Amino acid sequence: MADTRAARSQTTYPGDKMSSTRVIPASPAEIFAVLADPGRHQDTEPGDWVRSAISAEPITRVGQVFSMNMFLEQAGGAYRMDNVVTAFEPDTAISWDPGQDDGTGDVAVGGWRWRYDLAPVDGGTEVTLTYDWSGTTQAVRDDFGGFPVFPPAFLDASLAALAKTVTGRR
């Protein structure tokens, strides 16, 4: 009989953030290895928004910047996203704030954050993905047509994609 715990997810939507939680049948180390590798991030996204890493360097510390090639028709097509790492706790938590390099090497973040929290549980790892846009200004919210920029189900689909990537199930 299949373990259905890995297929369950729960999405919450309190205020200016939303989270989804799922048990993935893999160790925290296996999951963290994918999340700390920008070259694998396109495999954790349910669509084709995230295209590729600009550098193959793994994430290793808070303050590190990693850059991704992105594509979104509503944003004018192809663009670059520079991400500042805000949490790096191996096998436990990783987060980053997306933004744009201002041309001087400084990244002007947009006020939203992606965070993954990992906790070992019976049958694998409980992974909570949080999208927090509480730091966005009203001007940014207006420019984007409001937040969140995708439905809550996007987080569930992201965790499903992460599970497939980590477990090798396609």
C-alpha atoms as a PDB file:
ATOM      1  CA  MET A   1       0.000   0.000   0.000  1.00  0.00           C
ATOM      2  CA  ALA A   2       1.374   3.423  -0.932  1.00  0.00           C
ATOM      3  CA  ASP A   3       2.309   5.942   1.739  1.00  0.00           C
ATOM      4  CA  THR A   4      -0.164   8.769   1.126  1.00  0.00           C
ATOM      5  CA  ARG A   5       1.467  11.127   3.628  1.00  0.00           C
ATOM      6  CA  ALA A   6       3.941  12.247   0.988  1.00  0.00           C
ATOM      7  CA  ALA A   7       1.112  13.326  -1.303  1.00  0.00           C
ATOM      8  CA  ARG A   8      -0.688  15.491   1.258  1.00  0.00           C
ATOM      9  CA  SER A   9      -0.028  19.180   1.464  1.00  0.00           C
ATOM     10  CA  GLN A  10      -1.546  22.025   3.392  1.00  0.00           C
ATOM     11  CA  THR A  11      -1.565  25.649   2.277  1.00  0.00           C
ATOM     12  CA  THR A  12      -2.087  28.571   4.643  1.00  0.00           C
ATOM     13  CA  TYR A  13      -2.569  32.190   3.656  1.00  0.00           C
ATOM     14  CA  PRO A  14      -2.230  34.514   6.697  1.00  0.00           C
ATOM     15  CA  GLY A  15      -1.830  38.193   5.807  1.00  0.00           C
ATOM     16  CA  ASP A  16       1.073  39.012   3.513  1.00  0.00           C
ATOM     17  CA  LYS A  17       2.476  35.513   3.183  1.00  0.00           C
ATOM     18  CA  MET A  18       1.406  32.035   2.268  1.00  0.00           C
ATOM     19  CA  SER A  19       2.875  28.659   3.069  1.00  0.00           C
ATOM     20  CA  SER A  20       2.495  25.099   1.919  1.00  0.00           C
ATOM     21  CA  THR A  21       3.702  22.009   3.757  1.00  0.00           C
ATOM     22  CA  ARG A  22       4.330  18.535   2.376  1.00  0.00           C
ATOM     23  CA  VAL A  23       6.106  15.403   3.563  1.00  0.00           C
ATOM     24  CA  ILE A  24       8.681  14.290   1.000  1.00  0.00           C
ATOM     25  CA  PRO A  25      10.027  10.724   1.293  1.00  0.00           C
ATOM     26  CA  ALA A  26      13.687  11.784   1.405  1.00  0.00           C
ATOM     27  CA  SER A  27      16.168  12.967   4.010  1.00  0.00           C
ATOM     28  CA  PRO A  28      16.595  16.655   4.872  1.00  0.00           C
ATOM     29  CA  ALA A  29      20.137  16.446   3.426  1.00  0.00           C
ATOM     30  CA  GLU A  30      18.868  15.177   0.059  1.00  0.00           C
ATOM     31  CA  ILE A  31      16.270  17.942  -0.158  1.00  0.00           C
ATOM     32  CA  PHE A  32      18.637  20.661   1.042  1.00  0.00           C
ATOM     33  CA  ALA A  33      21.204  19.625  -1.582  1.00  0.00           C
ATOM     34  CA  VAL A  34      18.688  20.411  -4.337  1.00  0.00           C
ATOM     35  CA  LEU A  35      17.625  23.723  -2.771  1.00  0.00           C
ATOM     36  CA  ALA A  36      21.252  24.833  -2.296  1.00  0.00           C
ATOM     37  CA  ASP A  37      22.019  24.156  -5.971  1.00  0.00           C
ATOM     38  CA  PRO A  38      20.709  27.002  -8.165  1.00  0.00           C
ATOM     39  CA  GLY A  39      21.301  24.775 -11.189  1.00  0.00           C
ATOM     40  CA  ARG A  40      18.444  22.562  -9.929  1.00  0.00           C
ATOM     41  CA  HIS A  41      15.962  25.351  -9.141  1.00  0.00           C
ATOM     42  CA  GLN A  42      14.190  25.092 -12.493  1.00  0.00           C
ATOM     43  CA  ASP A  43      13.367  21.499 -11.501  1.00  0.00           C
ATOM     44  CA  THR A  44      11.563  22.725  -8.373  1.00  0.00           C
ATOM     45  CA  GLU A  45       9.248  25.121 -10.191  1.00  0.00           C
ATOM     46  CA  PRO A  46       6.012  23.743 -11.651  1.00  0.00           C
ATOM     47  CA  GLY A  47       6.071  25.851 -14.816  1.00  0.00           C
ATOM     48  CA  ASP A  48       8.806  27.398 -16.884  1.00  0.00           C
ATOM     49  CA  TRP A  49       9.252  30.682 -15.041  1.00  0.00           C
ATOM     50  CA  VAL A  50      12.697  29.701 -13.689  1.00  0.00           C
ATOM     51  CA  ARG A  51      14.907  28.924 -16.676  1.00  0.00           C
ATOM     52  CA  SER A  52      18.523  28.376 -15.568  1.00  0.00           C
ATOM     53  CA  ALA A  53      21.231  29.399 -13.118  1.00  0.00           C
ATOM     54  CA  ILE A  54      23.665  32.013 -14.362  1.00  0.00           C
ATOM     55  CA  SER A  55      26.447  30.515 -12.217  1.00  0.00           C
ATOM     56  CA  ALA A  56      26.901  26.887 -11.170  1.00  0.00           C
ATOM     57  CA  GLU A  57      28.215  27.902  -7.729  1.00  0.00           C
ATOM     58  CA  PRO A  58      26.240  26.244  -4.900  1.00  0.00           C
ATOM     59  CA  ILE A  59      24.655  28.308  -2.143  1.00  0.00           C
ATOM     60  CA  THR A  60      26.900  28.171   0.932  1.00  0.00           C
ATOM     61  CA  ARG A  61      26.196  31.194   3.141  1.00  0.00           C
ATOM     62  CA  VAL A  62      23.934  34.049   4.161  1.00  0.00           C
ATOM     63  CA  GLY A  63      24.611  37.170   2.098  1.00  0.00           C
ATOM     64  CA  GLN A  64      25.610  35.227  -0.998  1.00  0.00           C
ATOM     65  CA  VAL A  65      23.985  36.335  -4.252  1.00  0.00           C
ATOM     66  CA  PHE A  66      22.939  33.815  -6.871  1.00  0.00           C
ATOM     67  CA  SER A  67      21.419  34.799 -10.186  1.00  0.00           C
ATOM     68  CA  MET A  68      18.840  33.080 -12.340  1.00  0.00           C
ATOM     69  CA  ASN A  69      17.583  33.448 -15.886  1.00  0.00           C
ATOM     70  CA  MET A  70      13.816  33.827 -15.730  1.00  0.00           C
ATOM     71  CA  PHE A  71      10.956  34.148 -18.202  1.00  0.00           C
ATOM     72  CA  LEU A  72       7.476  35.513 -17.716  1.00  0.00           C
ATOM     73  CA  GLU A  73       5.398  36.864 -20.573  1.00  0.00           C
ATOM     74  CA  GLN A  74       3.667  39.367 -18.249  1.00  0.00           C
ATOM     75  CA  ALA A  75       7.093  40.712 -17.231  1.00  0.00           C
ATOM     76  CA  GLY A  76       8.150  41.296 -20.829  1.00  0.00           C
ATOM     77  CA  GLY A  77       9.718  37.883 -21.452  1.00  0.00           C
ATOM     78  CA  ALA A  78      13.265  36.983 -20.427  1.00  0.00           C
ATOM     79  CA  TYR A  79      14.849  38.703 -17.442  1.00  0.00           C
ATOM     80  CA  ARG A  80      17.489  38.139 -14.767  1.00  0.00           C
ATOM     81  CA  MET A  81      16.729  37.739 -11.068  1.00  0.00           C
ATOM     82  CA  ASP A  82      19.460  38.264  -8.487  1.00  0.00           C
ATOM     83  CA  ASN A  83      18.749  36.598  -5.138  1.00  0.00           C
ATOM     84  CA  VAL A  84      20.283  37.478  -1.764  1.00  0.00           C
ATOM     85  CA  VAL A  85      20.505  34.489   0.600  1.00  0.00           C
ATOM     86  CA  THR A  86      18.908  35.403   3.950  1.00  0.00           C
ATOM     87  CA  ALA A  87      18.985  32.021   5.745  1.00  0.00           C
ATOM     88  CA  PHE A  88      21.382  29.129   5.345  1.00  0.00           C
ATOM     89  CA  GLU A  89      21.097  26.380   7.934  1.00  0.00           C
ATOM     90  CA  PRO A  90      22.202  23.115   6.293  1.00  0.00           C
ATOM     91  CA  ASP A  91      19.463  20.482   6.211  1.00  0.00           C
ATOM     92  CA  THR A  92      17.130  22.820   8.153  1.00  0.00           C
ATOM     93  CA  ALA A  93      16.350  26.121   6.385  1.00  0.00           C
ATOM     94  CA  ILE A  94      17.234  28.185   3.340  1.00  0.00           C
ATOM     95  CA  SER A  95      15.742  31.447   2.090  1.00  0.00           C
ATOM     96  CA  TRP A  96      16.428  34.248  -0.339  1.00  0.00           C
ATOM     97  CA  ASP A  97      15.150  37.676  -1.292  1.00  0.00           C
ATOM     98  CA  PRO A  98      14.815  38.215  -5.060  1.00  0.00           C
ATOM     99  CA  GLY A  99      15.843  41.512  -6.591  1.00  0.00           C
ATOM    100  CA  GLN A 100      17.816  43.192  -9.318  1.00  0.00           C
ATOM    101  CA  ASP A 101      21.487  44.170  -9.423  1.00  0.00           C
ATOM    102  CA  ASP A 102      21.560  47.965  -9.622  1.00  0.00           C
ATOM    103  CA  GLY A 103      24.639  47.940 -11.870  1.00  0.00           C
ATOM    104  CA  THR A 104      27.107  48.546  -9.036  1.00  0.00           C
ATOM    105  CA  GLY A 105      26.984  45.032  -7.620  1.00  0.00           C
ATOM    106  CA  ASP A 106      24.352  45.887  -5.014  1.00  0.00           C
ATOM    107  CA  VAL A 107      21.048  44.038  -5.213  1.00  0.00           C
ATOM    108  CA  ALA A 108      17.882  46.057  -4.716  1.00  0.00           C
ATOM    109  CA  VAL A 109      15.471  43.475  -3.336  1.00  0.00           C
ATOM    110  CA  GLY A 110      11.775  43.665  -4.124  1.00  0.00           C
ATOM    111  CA  GLY A 111      10.445  42.975  -0.643  1.00  0.00           C
ATOM    112  CA  TRP A 112       9.412  39.343  -1.045  1.00  0.00           C
ATOM    113  CA  ARG A 113      11.117  36.202   0.228  1.00  0.00           C
ATOM    114  CA  TRP A 114      11.177  32.485  -0.588  1.00  0.00           C
ATOM    115  CA  ARG A 115      11.886  30.233   2.396  1.00  0.00           C
ATOM    116  CA  TYR A 116      12.095  26.464   2.814  1.00  0.00           C
ATOM    117  CA  ASP A 117      12.033  24.901   6.291  1.00  0.00           C
ATOM    118  CA  LEU A 118      12.916  21.207   6.635  1.00  0.00           C
ATOM    119  CA  ALA A 119      12.130  18.921   9.563  1.00  0.00           C
ATOM    120  CA  PRO A 120      12.749  15.176   9.728  1.00  0.00           C
ATOM    121  CA  VAL A 121       9.567  13.166  10.324  1.00  0.00           C
ATOM    122  CA  ASP A 122       8.576   9.531  10.136  1.00  0.00           C
ATOM    123  CA  GLY A 123       8.624   8.657   6.446  1.00  0.00           C
ATOM    124  CA  GLY A 124      10.823  11.509   5.249  1.00  0.00           C
ATOM    125  CA  THR A 125      11.039  15.261   5.667  1.00  0.00           C
ATOM    126  CA  GLU A 126       8.322  17.802   6.294  1.00  0.00           C
ATOM    127  CA  VAL A 127       9.041  20.701   3.946  1.00  0.00           C
ATOM    128  CA  THR A 128       7.351  24.060   4.415  1.00  0.00           C
ATOM    129  CA  LEU A 129       7.649  26.539   1.557  1.00  0.00           C
ATOM    130  CA  THR A 130       6.770  30.113   2.495  1.00  0.00           C
ATOM    131  CA  TYR A 131       6.305  33.014   0.099  1.00  0.00           C
ATOM    132  CA  ASP A 132       6.362  36.238   2.143  1.00  0.00           C
ATOM    133  CA  TRP A 133       5.690  39.560   0.431  1.00  0.00           C
ATOM    134  CA  SER A 134       5.254  41.641   3.609  1.00  0.00           C
ATOM    135  CA  GLY A 135       8.307  43.744   2.733  1.00  0.00           C
ATOM    136  CA  THR A 136       6.955  44.990  -0.590  1.00  0.00           C
ATOM    137  CA  THR A 137       6.105  48.656  -0.910  1.00  0.00           C
ATOM    138  CA  GLN A 138       2.737  49.800  -2.179  1.00  0.00           C
ATOM    139  CA  ALA A 139       4.472  51.009  -5.364  1.00  0.00           C
ATOM    140  CA  VAL A 140       5.854  47.507  -6.011  1.00  0.00           C
ATOM    141  CA  ARG A 141       2.450  45.975  -5.293  1.00  0.00           C
ATOM    142  CA  ASP A 142       0.855  48.384  -7.762  1.00  0.00           C
ATOM    143  CA  ASP A 143       3.533  47.693 -10.414  1.00  0.00           C
ATOM    144  CA  PHE A 144       2.892  43.947 -10.140  1.00  0.00           C
ATOM    145  CA  GLY A 145      -0.881  44.303 -10.117  1.00  0.00           C
ATOM    146  CA  GLY A 146      -1.103  43.110  -6.517  1.00  0.00           C
ATOM    147  CA  PHE A 147       0.306  40.270  -4.446  1.00  0.00           C
ATOM    148  CA  PRO A 148       0.551  37.367  -4.418  1.00  0.00           C
ATOM    149  CA  VAL A 149       1.370  37.179  -8.115  1.00  0.00           C
ATOM    150  CA  PHE A 150       0.192  33.545  -8.345  1.00  0.00           C
ATOM    151  CA  PRO A 151      -2.474  31.438  -6.628  1.00  0.00           C
ATOM    152  CA  PRO A 152      -1.780  29.488  -3.411  1.00  0.00           C
ATOM    153  CA  ALA A 153      -1.880  26.231  -5.409  1.00  0.00           C
ATOM    154  CA  PHE A 154       1.432  27.301  -6.992  1.00  0.00           C
ATOM    155  CA  LEU A 155       3.215  26.509  -3.712  1.00  0.00           C
ATOM    156  CA  ASP A 156       1.635  23.042  -3.575  1.00  0.00           C
ATOM    157  CA  ALA A 157       2.759  22.432  -7.161  1.00  0.00           C
ATOM    158  CA  SER A 158       6.263  23.697  -6.317  1.00  0.00           C
ATOM    159  CA  LEU A 159       6.584  21.209  -3.472  1.00  0.00           C
ATOM    160  CA  ALA A 160       5.284  18.432  -5.724  1.00  0.00           C
ATOM    161  CA  ALA A 161       7.974  19.356  -8.287  1.00  0.00           C
ATOM    162  CA  LEU A 162      10.617  19.376  -5.532  1.00  0.00           C
ATOM    163  CA  ALA A 163       9.455  15.933  -4.381  1.00  0.00           C
ATOM    164  CA  LYS A 164       9.707  14.548  -7.923  1.00  0.00           C
ATOM    165  CA  THR A 165      13.161  16.046  -8.357  1.00  0.00           C
ATOM    166  CA  VAL A 166      14.504  14.726  -5.063  1.00  0.00           C
ATOM    167  CA  THR A 167      13.010  11.245  -5.353  1.00  0.00           C
ATOM    168  CA  GLY A 168      13.722  10.868  -9.074  1.00  0.00           C
ATOM    169  CA  ARG A 169      10.067  10.299  -9.925  1.00  0.00           C
ATOM    170  CA  ARG A 170       9.030  12.038 -13.131  1.00  0.00           C
END
